[in-house]
Each structure stands twice: as structure tokens, then as C-alpha cells.
Amino acid sequence: MTANSEDIFESSAGYYTEFRKPYPPLLFKRIRDQFNLNGKGALLDVGCGTGQISLPLSNDFERVVGVDLSK
């Protein structure tokens, strides 16, 4: 049986969310400082997976869109 590209990671998303260490808060502080994030604009997270980047930054934008092959 061959998995297609749309669901290849679907069975591992729960494990990824539960066991992958989160990015350190300092990373998000540096992103906010470097790009002068002010709650305006939009963030497009391509290959967002479980949202480990877009979710912590969601309050720094008016709109956040995450796109991934898996549901």
C-alpha cells in the first residue's frame, strides 16, 4: 500500500504535537523584534504542520493562514 502525499504525515501529527519540543520563547521574541510585529498584517505559514510557529505568533497579526498537505 502506498501513501499519497496528502496523508503521509496525518498519522504522525498527534505524536508530533505531543512529543516534539516547542520552539523557545526567545525565538518568537527575536522574530517580533526583528520584524517590528505590531498586530497588523498577515502571516502565511506554508507547511505549517501542527502550527508550532503560526499559533504562538497569531496575536502578532490581524490574520494568520496555515497551509499544509495534511488535514
PDB file of N, CA and C in Angstrom:
ATOM      1  N   MET A   1       0.848  -1.180   0.000  1.00  0.00           N
ATOM      2  CA  MET A   1       0.000   0.000   0.000  1.00  0.00           C
ATOM      3  C   MET A   1       0.888   1.235   0.000  1.00  0.00           C
ATOM      4  N   THR A   2       0.601   2.175  -0.854  1.00  0.00           N
ATOM      5  CA  THR A   2       1.387   3.385  -0.974  1.00  0.00           C
ATOM      6  C   THR A   2       0.595   4.571  -0.445  1.00  0.00           C
ATOM      7  N   ALA A   3       1.198   5.342   0.442  1.00  0.00           N
ATOM      8  CA  ALA A   3       0.541   6.542   0.966  1.00  0.00           C
ATOM      9  C   ALA A   3       0.691   7.671  -0.036  1.00  0.00           C
ATOM     10  N   ASN A   4      -0.365   8.468  -0.170  1.00  0.00           N
ATOM     11  CA  ASN A   4      -0.236   9.613  -1.062  1.00  0.00           C
ATOM     12  C   ASN A   4       0.308  10.807  -0.273  1.00  0.00           C
ATOM     13  N   SER A   5       0.733  11.823  -0.986  1.00  0.00           N
ATOM     14  CA  SER A   5       1.407  12.953  -0.348  1.00  0.00           C
ATOM     15  C   SER A   5       0.495  13.750   0.558  1.00  0.00           C
ATOM     16  N   GLU A   6      -0.826  13.635   0.396  1.00  0.00           N
ATOM     17  CA  GLU A   6      -1.745  14.412   1.218  1.00  0.00           C
ATOM     18  C   GLU A   6      -1.935  13.843   2.622  1.00  0.00           C
ATOM     19  N   ASP A   7      -1.698  12.554   2.819  1.00  0.00           N
ATOM     20  CA  ASP A   7      -1.923  12.000   4.152  1.00  0.00           C
ATOM     21  C   ASP A   7      -0.692  11.307   4.727  1.00  0.00           C
ATOM     22  N   ILE A   8       0.455  11.554   4.148  1.00  0.00           N
ATOM     23  CA  ILE A   8       1.669  10.869   4.594  1.00  0.00           C
ATOM     24  C   ILE A   8       2.024  11.201   6.049  1.00  0.00           C
ATOM     25  N   PHE A   9       1.716  12.413   6.494  1.00  0.00           N
ATOM     26  CA  PHE A   9       2.046  12.824   7.862  1.00  0.00           C
ATOM     27  C   PHE A   9       0.842  12.781   8.798  1.00  0.00           C
ATOM     28  N   GLU A  10      -0.324  12.489   8.260  1.00  0.00           N
ATOM     29  CA  GLU A  10      -1.543  12.547   9.062  1.00  0.00           C
ATOM     30  C   GLU A  10      -1.483  11.665  10.310  1.00  0.00           C
ATOM     31  N   SER A  11      -0.946  10.471  10.193  1.00  0.00           N
ATOM     32  CA  SER A  11      -0.908   9.566  11.339  1.00  0.00           C
ATOM     33  C   SER A  11       0.133   9.978  12.382  1.00  0.00           C
ATOM     34  N   SER A  12       1.066  10.837  12.019  1.00  0.00           N
ATOM     35  CA  SER A  12       2.102  11.236  12.974  1.00  0.00           C
ATOM     36  C   SER A  12       1.854  12.599  13.606  1.00  0.00           C
ATOM     37  N   ALA A  13       0.839  13.331  13.173  1.00  0.00           N
ATOM     38  CA  ALA A  13       0.598  14.678  13.687  1.00  0.00           C
ATOM     39  C   ALA A  13       0.387  14.697  15.196  1.00  0.00           C
ATOM     40  N   GLY A  14      -0.355  13.735  15.721  1.00  0.00           N
ATOM     41  CA  GLY A  14      -0.587  13.684  17.165  1.00  0.00           C
ATOM     42  C   GLY A  14       0.701  13.491  17.952  1.00  0.00           C
ATOM     43  N   TYR A  15       1.567  12.626  17.447  1.00  0.00           N
ATOM     44  CA  TYR A  15       2.855  12.397  18.113  1.00  0.00           C
ATOM     45  C   TYR A  15       3.743  13.632  18.016  1.00  0.00           C
ATOM     46  N   TYR A  16       3.704  14.265  16.867  1.00  0.00           N
ATOM     47  CA  TYR A  16       4.499  15.474  16.650  1.00  0.00           C
ATOM     48  C   TYR A  16       4.078  16.551  17.640  1.00  0.00           C
ATOM     49  N   THR A  17       2.765  16.732  17.792  1.00  0.00           N
ATOM     50  CA  THR A  17       2.244  17.733  18.723  1.00  0.00           C
ATOM     51  C   THR A  17       2.610  17.391  20.159  1.00  0.00           C
ATOM     52  N   GLU A  18       2.504  16.130  20.509  1.00  0.00           N
ATOM     53  CA  GLU A  18       2.722  15.725  21.898  1.00  0.00           C
ATOM     54  C   GLU A  18       4.194  15.657  22.294  1.00  0.00           C
ATOM     55  N   PHE A  19       5.056  15.173  21.408  1.00  0.00           N
ATOM     56  CA  PHE A  19       6.422  14.873  21.810  1.00  0.00           C
ATOM     57  C   PHE A  19       7.497  15.816  21.277  1.00  0.00           C
ATOM     58  N   ARG A  20       7.224  16.587  20.247  1.00  0.00           N
ATOM     59  CA  ARG A  20       8.239  17.497  19.722  1.00  0.00           C
ATOM     60  C   ARG A  20       8.372  18.670  20.678  1.00  0.00           C
ATOM     61  N   LYS A  21       9.590  18.990  21.029  1.00  0.00           N
ATOM     62  CA  LYS A  21       9.812  20.116  21.925  1.00  0.00           C
ATOM     63  C   LYS A  21       9.378  21.405  21.239  1.00  0.00           C
ATOM     64  N   PRO A  22       8.730  22.296  21.984  1.00  0.00           N
ATOM     65  CA  PRO A  22       8.296  23.560  21.374  1.00  0.00           C
ATOM     66  C   PRO A  22       9.495  24.477  21.115  1.00  0.00           C
ATOM     67  N   TYR A  23       9.291  25.410  20.210  1.00  0.00           N
ATOM     68  CA  TYR A  23      10.328  26.408  19.969  1.00  0.00           C
ATOM     69  C   TYR A  23      10.446  27.282  21.217  1.00  0.00           C
ATOM     70  N   PRO A  24      11.635  27.737  21.539  1.00  0.00           N
ATOM     71  CA  PRO A  24      11.812  28.552  22.747  1.00  0.00           C
ATOM     72  C   PRO A  24      11.172  29.930  22.578  1.00  0.00           C
ATOM     73  N   PRO A  25      10.623  30.482  23.652  1.00  0.00           N
ATOM     74  CA  PRO A  25      10.004  31.813  23.594  1.00  0.00           C
ATOM     75  C   PRO A  25      10.950  32.889  23.056  1.00  0.00           C
ATOM     76  N   LEU A  26      12.245  32.743  23.301  1.00  0.00           N
ATOM     77  CA  LEU A  26      13.208  33.726  22.809  1.00  0.00           C
ATOM     78  C   LEU A  26      13.185  33.814  21.279  1.00  0.00           C
ATOM     79  N   LEU A  27      12.940  32.707  20.598  1.00  0.00           N
ATOM     80  CA  LEU A  27      12.845  32.725  19.143  1.00  0.00           C
ATOM     81  C   LEU A  27      11.727  33.656  18.685  1.00  0.00           C
ATOM     82  N   PHE A  28      10.570  33.553  19.323  1.00  0.00           N
ATOM     83  CA  PHE A  28       9.432  34.387  18.936  1.00  0.00           C
ATOM     84  C   PHE A  28       9.664  35.843  19.307  1.00  0.00           C
ATOM     85  N   LYS A  29      10.351  36.086  20.403  1.00  0.00           N
ATOM     86  CA  LYS A  29      10.703  37.465  20.765  1.00  0.00           C
ATOM     87  C   LYS A  29      11.614  38.067  19.708  1.00  0.00           C
ATOM     88  N   ARG A  30      12.582  37.309  19.258  1.00  0.00           N
ATOM     89  CA  ARG A  30      13.503  37.802  18.223  1.00  0.00           C
ATOM     90  C   ARG A  30      12.777  38.060  16.907  1.00  0.00           C
ATOM     91  N   ILE A  31      11.857  37.188  16.550  1.00  0.00           N
ATOM     92  CA  ILE A  31      11.066  37.399  15.334  1.00  0.00           C
ATOM     93  C   ILE A  31      10.255  38.685  15.471  1.00  0.00           C
ATOM     94  N   ARG A  32       9.591  38.852  16.623  1.00  0.00           N
ATOM     95  CA  ARG A  32       8.791  40.063  16.847  1.00  0.00           C
ATOM     96  C   ARG A  32       9.647  41.321  16.762  1.00  0.00           C
ATOM     97  N   ASP A  33      10.814  41.279  17.391  1.00  0.00           N
ATOM     98  CA  ASP A  33      11.706  42.443  17.394  1.00  0.00           C
ATOM     99  C   ASP A  33      12.282  42.711  16.005  1.00  0.00           C
ATOM    100  N   GLN A  34      12.738  41.677  15.324  1.00  0.00           N
ATOM    101  CA  GLN A  34      13.381  41.833  14.014  1.00  0.00           C
ATOM    102  C   GLN A  34      12.423  42.413  12.974  1.00  0.00           C
ATOM    103  N   PHE A  35      11.167  41.980  13.026  1.00  0.00           N
ATOM    104  CA  PHE A  35      10.204  42.396  12.011  1.00  0.00           C
ATOM    105  C   PHE A  35       9.215  43.442  12.520  1.00  0.00           C
ATOM    106  N   ASN A  36       9.459  43.958  13.714  1.00  0.00           N
ATOM    107  CA  ASN A  36       8.604  45.009  14.295  1.00  0.00           C
ATOM    108  C   ASN A  36       7.123  44.646  14.221  1.00  0.00           C
ATOM    109  N   LEU A  37       6.793  43.447  14.650  1.00  0.00           N
ATOM    110  CA  LEU A  37       5.412  42.992  14.587  1.00  0.00           C
ATOM    111  C   LEU A  37       4.558  43.820  15.532  1.00  0.00           C
ATOM    112  N   ASN A  38       3.388  44.238  15.029  1.00  0.00           N
ATOM    113  CA  ASN A  38       2.564  45.174  15.801  1.00  0.00           C
ATOM    114  C   ASN A  38       1.082  44.819  15.787  1.00  0.00           C
ATOM    115  N   GLY A  39       0.749  43.578  15.479  1.00  0.00           N
ATOM    116  CA  GLY A  39      -0.654  43.174  15.465  1.00  0.00           C
ATOM    117  C   GLY A  39      -1.361  43.471  14.165  1.00  0.00           C
ATOM    118  N   LYS A  40      -0.650  43.953  13.189  1.00  0.00           N
ATOM    119  CA  LYS A  40      -1.237  44.266  11.888  1.00  0.00           C
ATOM    120  C   LYS A  40      -0.666  43.314  10.835  1.00  0.00           C
ATOM    121  N   GLY A  41      -1.282  43.296   9.669  1.00  0.00           N
ATOM    122  CA  GLY A  41      -0.768  42.488   8.571  1.00  0.00           C
ATOM    123  C   GLY A  41      -1.198  41.043   8.656  1.00  0.00           C
ATOM    124  N   ALA A  42      -0.581  40.234   7.817  1.00  0.00           N
ATOM    125  CA  ALA A  42      -0.952  38.824   7.713  1.00  0.00           C
ATOM    126  C   ALA A  42       0.287  37.945   7.746  1.00  0.00           C
ATOM    127  N   LEU A  43       0.111  36.751   8.276  1.00  0.00           N
ATOM    128  CA  LEU A  43       1.158  35.731   8.310  1.00  0.00           C
ATOM    129  C   LEU A  43       0.680  34.543   7.492  1.00  0.00           C
ATOM    130  N   LEU A  44       1.492  34.097   6.555  1.00  0.00           N
ATOM    131  CA  LEU A  44       1.221  32.879   5.800  1.00  0.00           C
ATOM    132  C   LEU A  44       2.266  31.857   6.205  1.00  0.00           C
ATOM    133  N   ASP A  45       1.831  30.765   6.814  1.00  0.00           N
ATOM    134  CA  ASP A  45       2.721  29.702   7.259  1.00  0.00           C
ATOM    135  C   ASP A  45       2.540  28.512   6.320  1.00  0.00           C
ATOM    136  N   VAL A  46       3.458  28.366   5.362  1.00  0.00           N
ATOM    137  CA  VAL A  46       3.389  27.288   4.378  1.00  0.00           C
ATOM    138  C   VAL A  46       4.117  26.070   4.948  1.00  0.00           C
ATOM    139  N   GLY A  47       3.431  24.941   4.951  1.00  0.00           N
ATOM    140  CA  GLY A  47       3.993  23.749   5.587  1.00  0.00           C
ATOM    141  C   GLY A  47       3.859  23.865   7.094  1.00  0.00           C
ATOM    142  N   CYS A  48       2.726  24.375   7.550  1.00  0.00           N
ATOM    143  CA  CYS A  48       2.537  24.729   8.964  1.00  0.00           C
ATOM    144  C   CYS A  48       2.478  23.537   9.905  1.00  0.00           C
ATOM    145  N   GLY A  49       2.188  22.356   9.377  1.00  0.00           N
ATOM    146  CA  GLY A  49       2.107  21.191  10.260  1.00  0.00           C
ATOM    147  C   GLY A  49       1.080  21.418  11.352  1.00  0.00           C
ATOM    148  N   THR A  50       1.504  21.301  12.596  1.00  0.00           N
ATOM    149  CA  THR A  50       0.590  21.451  13.726  1.00  0.00           C
ATOM    150  C   THR A  50       0.531  22.883  14.247  1.00  0.00           C
ATOM    151  N   GLY A  51       1.139  23.809  13.534  1.00  0.00           N
ATOM    152  CA  GLY A  51       1.034  25.227  13.892  1.00  0.00           C
ATOM    153  C   GLY A  51       2.007  25.705  14.951  1.00  0.00           C
ATOM    154  N   GLN A  52       3.129  25.035  15.095  1.00  0.00           N
ATOM    155  CA  GLN A  52       4.066  25.398  16.160  1.00  0.00           C
ATOM    156  C   GLN A  52       4.742  26.748  15.961  1.00  0.00           C
ATOM    157  N   ILE A  53       4.619  27.315  14.783  1.00  0.00           N
ATOM    158  CA  ILE A  53       5.129  28.665  14.557  1.00  0.00           C
ATOM    159  C   ILE A  53       3.963  29.647  14.457  1.00  0.00           C
ATOM    160  N   SER A  54       2.951  29.302  13.684  1.00  0.00           N
ATOM    161  CA  SER A  54       1.852  30.243  13.467  1.00  0.00           C
ATOM    162  C   SER A  54       1.003  30.484  14.713  1.00  0.00           C
ATOM    163  N   LEU A  55       0.793  29.486  15.540  1.00  0.00           N
ATOM    164  CA  LEU A  55      -0.031  29.688  16.732  1.00  0.00           C
ATOM    165  C   LEU A  55       0.604  30.654  17.737  1.00  0.00           C
ATOM    166  N   PRO A  56       1.872  30.506  18.090  1.00  0.00           N
ATOM    167  CA  PRO A  56       2.467  31.469  19.024  1.00  0.00           C
ATOM    168  C   PRO A  56       2.530  32.898  18.474  1.00  0.00           C
ATOM    169  N   LEU A  57       2.532  33.042  17.157  1.00  0.00           N
ATOM    170  CA  LEU A  57       2.590  34.371  16.545  1.00  0.00           C
ATOM    171  C   LEU A  57       1.207  34.908  16.163  1.00  0.00           C
ATOM    172  N   SER A  58       0.167  34.171  16.446  1.00  0.00           N
ATOM    173  CA  SER A  58      -1.170  34.545  15.974  1.00  0.00           C
ATOM    174  C   SER A  58      -1.656  35.890  16.512  1.00  0.00           C
ATOM    175  N   ASN A  59      -1.243  36.281  17.692  1.00  0.00           N
ATOM    176  CA  ASN A  59      -1.663  37.575  18.234  1.00  0.00           C
ATOM    177  C   ASN A  59      -0.858  38.740  17.675  1.00  0.00           C
ATOM    178  N   ASP A  60       0.165  38.443  16.897  1.00  0.00           N
ATOM    179  CA  ASP A  60       1.022  39.481  16.334  1.00  0.00           C
ATOM    180  C   ASP A  60       0.586  39.909  14.939  1.00  0.00           C
ATOM    181  N   PHE A  61      -0.515  39.347  14.440  1.00  0.00           N
ATOM    182  CA  PHE A  61      -1.022  39.648  13.109  1.00  0.00           C
ATOM    183  C   PHE A  61      -2.535  39.798  13.154  1.00  0.00           C
ATOM    184  N   GLU A  62      -3.076  40.498  12.165  1.00  0.00           N
ATOM    185  CA  GLU A  62      -4.530  40.591  12.034  1.00  0.00           C
ATOM    186  C   GLU A  62      -5.109  39.285  11.508  1.00  0.00           C
ATOM    187  N   ARG A  63      -4.322  38.626  10.659  1.00  0.00           N
ATOM    188  CA  ARG A  63      -4.794  37.398  10.023  1.00  0.00           C
ATOM    189  C   ARG A  63      -3.648  36.404   9.913  1.00  0.00           C
ATOM    190  N   VAL A  64      -3.924  35.140  10.219  1.00  0.00           N
ATOM    191  CA  VAL A  64      -2.932  34.071  10.104  1.00  0.00           C
ATOM    192  C   VAL A  64      -3.551  32.949   9.278  1.00  0.00           C
ATOM    193  N   VAL A  65      -2.803  32.492   8.274  1.00  0.00           N
ATOM    194  CA  VAL A  65      -3.259  31.387   7.428  1.00  0.00           C
ATOM    195  C   VAL A  65      -2.183  30.320   7.440  1.00  0.00           C
ATOM    196  N   GLY A  66      -2.563  29.104   7.772  1.00  0.00           N
ATOM    197  CA  GLY A  66      -1.655  27.976   7.744  1.00  0.00           C
ATOM    198  C   GLY A  66      -2.047  27.031   6.624  1.00  0.00           C
ATOM    199  N   VAL A  67      -1.065  26.616   5.838  1.00  0.00           N
ATOM    200  CA  VAL A  67      -1.301  25.716   4.701  1.00  0.00           C
ATOM    201  C   VAL A  67      -0.404  24.498   4.863  1.00  0.00           C
ATOM    202  N   ASP A  68      -0.984  23.314   4.718  1.00  0.00           N
ATOM    203  CA  ASP A  68      -0.213  22.088   4.841  1.00  0.00           C
ATOM    204  C   ASP A  68      -0.831  21.011   3.951  1.00  0.00           C
ATOM    205  N   LEU A  69      -0.042  20.032   3.562  1.00  0.00           N
ATOM    206  CA  LEU A  69      -0.577  18.923   2.760  1.00  0.00           C
ATOM    207  C   LEU A  69      -1.561  18.083   3.559  1.00  0.00           C
ATOM    208  N   SER A  70      -1.294  17.896   4.850  1.00  0.00           N
ATOM    209  CA  SER A  70      -2.161  17.075   5.699  1.00  0.00           C
ATOM    210  C   SER A  70      -3.297  17.910   6.253  1.00  0.00           C
ATOM    211  N   LYS A  71      -4.364  17.249   6.615  1.00  0.00           N
ATOM    212  CA  LYS A  71      -5.550  17.947   7.139  1.00  0.00           C
ATOM    213  C   LYS A  71      -5.298  18.619   8.467  1.00  0.00           C
TER     214      LYS A  71
END
